[in-house]
C-alpha cells in the first residue's frame, strides 16, 4: 500500500481489508484470488454494500449463492466457476 499511496496520494480511498473495501460500495469488481476475498459470503456483500453488484473477474464465487441472495452478479472470463 505505501507504493500505491506514493502514486495516488489522496486521490483514492484505501481500505484496510476486504470487508472495509466493500462497505457502503455500490459495486465490487473482484480481480484477485486472495483468500480474504474468497472467504466473503454473499450475505456479507448484502449486509455491507449499498446495492450489491458484483463482477467476479477471477470466478472465485459460486454465482448461484449470489443470485439467491439477491445480488446483481456477473462472472467474467473463461474457466470453471469455483
Protein backbone atom coordinates (compact mmCIF):
# COMPACT_ATOMS: atom_id res chain seq x y z
CA UNK A 1 0.00 0.00 0.00
CA UNK A 2 2.82 2.50 0.60
CA UNK A 3 3.77 2.33 -3.09
CA UNK A 4 0.18 2.94 -4.18
CA UNK A 5 -0.16 5.85 -1.74
CA UNK A 6 3.01 7.43 -3.13
CA UNK A 7 1.46 7.33 -6.61
CA UNK A 8 -2.19 8.19 -5.90
CA UNK A 9 -1.84 10.24 -2.69
CA UNK A 10 -5.37 11.22 -1.58
CA UNK A 11 -6.98 10.73 -4.99
CA UNK A 12 -8.42 7.34 -3.99
CA UNK A 13 -9.61 5.77 -0.77
CA UNK A 14 -7.55 2.94 0.67
CA UNK A 15 -9.15 0.06 2.59
CA UNK A 16 -7.66 -1.93 5.42
CA UNK A 17 -9.22 -5.20 4.29
CA UNK A 18 -11.84 -6.86 2.10
CA UNK A 19 -14.81 -6.00 4.34
CA UNK A 20 -13.67 -2.40 4.69
CA UNK A 21 -13.30 -2.31 0.90
CA UNK A 22 -16.93 -3.31 0.19
CA UNK A 23 -18.60 -1.36 3.00
CA UNK A 24 -21.04 1.19 1.52
CA UNK A 25 -19.85 0.41 -2.02
CA UNK A 26 -22.25 0.30 -4.96
CA UNK A 27 -20.22 -2.20 -6.97
CA UNK A 28 -17.34 -4.58 -6.32
CA UNK A 29 -15.08 -5.76 -9.13
CA UNK A 30 -13.02 -8.70 -7.89
CA UNK A 31 -9.81 -9.26 -9.83
CA UNK A 32 -7.85 -11.25 -7.27
CA UNK A 33 -7.88 -14.79 -5.93
CA UNK A 34 -6.78 -13.75 -2.46
CA UNK A 35 -8.31 -15.89 0.31
CA UNK A 36 -9.50 -12.75 2.09
CA UNK A 37 -11.96 -12.20 -0.78
CA UNK A 38 -12.73 -15.88 -1.41
CA UNK A 39 -13.97 -16.18 2.18
CA UNK A 40 -16.60 -13.45 1.77
CA UNK A 41 -20.12 -14.83 1.56
CA UNK A 42 -22.94 -13.38 -0.48
CA UNK A 43 -24.62 -12.39 2.79
CA UNK A 44 -21.63 -10.24 3.79
CA UNK A 45 -21.88 -8.36 0.49
CA UNK A 46 -25.62 -7.84 1.07
CA UNK A 47 -25.05 -6.60 4.63
CA UNK A 48 -22.17 -4.25 3.81
CA UNK A 49 -22.88 -2.82 0.36
CA UNK A 50 -25.48 -0.21 -0.58
CA UNK A 51 -26.97 -2.10 -3.54
CA UNK A 52 -24.73 -5.10 -4.12
CA UNK A 53 -23.46 -5.57 -7.65
CA UNK A 54 -20.52 -7.93 -8.08
CA UNK A 55 -18.27 -8.51 -11.09
CA UNK A 56 -16.20 -11.62 -10.45
CA UNK A 57 -13.24 -11.33 -12.77
CA UNK A 58 -11.48 -14.40 -11.39
CA UNK A 59 -14.51 -16.68 -10.96
CA UNK A 60 -13.83 -17.25 -7.28
CA UNK A 61 -17.50 -17.24 -6.26
CA UNK A 62 -20.44 -19.52 -6.93
CA UNK A 63 -22.90 -17.37 -8.92
CA UNK A 64 -25.99 -19.14 -7.58
CA UNK A 65 -25.02 -18.19 -4.00
CA UNK A 66 -25.12 -14.53 -5.01
CA UNK A 67 -28.20 -14.55 -7.20
CA UNK A 68 -30.08 -16.46 -4.50
CA UNK A 69 -29.13 -13.68 -2.06
CA UNK A 70 -30.49 -11.03 -4.44
CA UNK A 71 -27.10 -9.75 -5.60
CA UNK A 72 -26.62 -8.50 -9.15
CA UNK A 73 -23.78 -10.82 -10.16
CA UNK A 74 -21.63 -11.34 -13.25
CA UNK A 75 -18.66 -13.69 -13.71
CA UNK A 76 -16.19 -12.81 -16.46
CA UNK A 77 -13.58 -14.76 -18.32
CA UNK A 78 -13.08 -18.35 -19.21
CA UNK A 79 -12.63 -21.25 -16.91
CA UNK A 80 -14.55 -23.21 -14.39
CA UNK A 81 -16.64 -21.39 -11.84
CA UNK A 82 -15.49 -22.20 -8.34
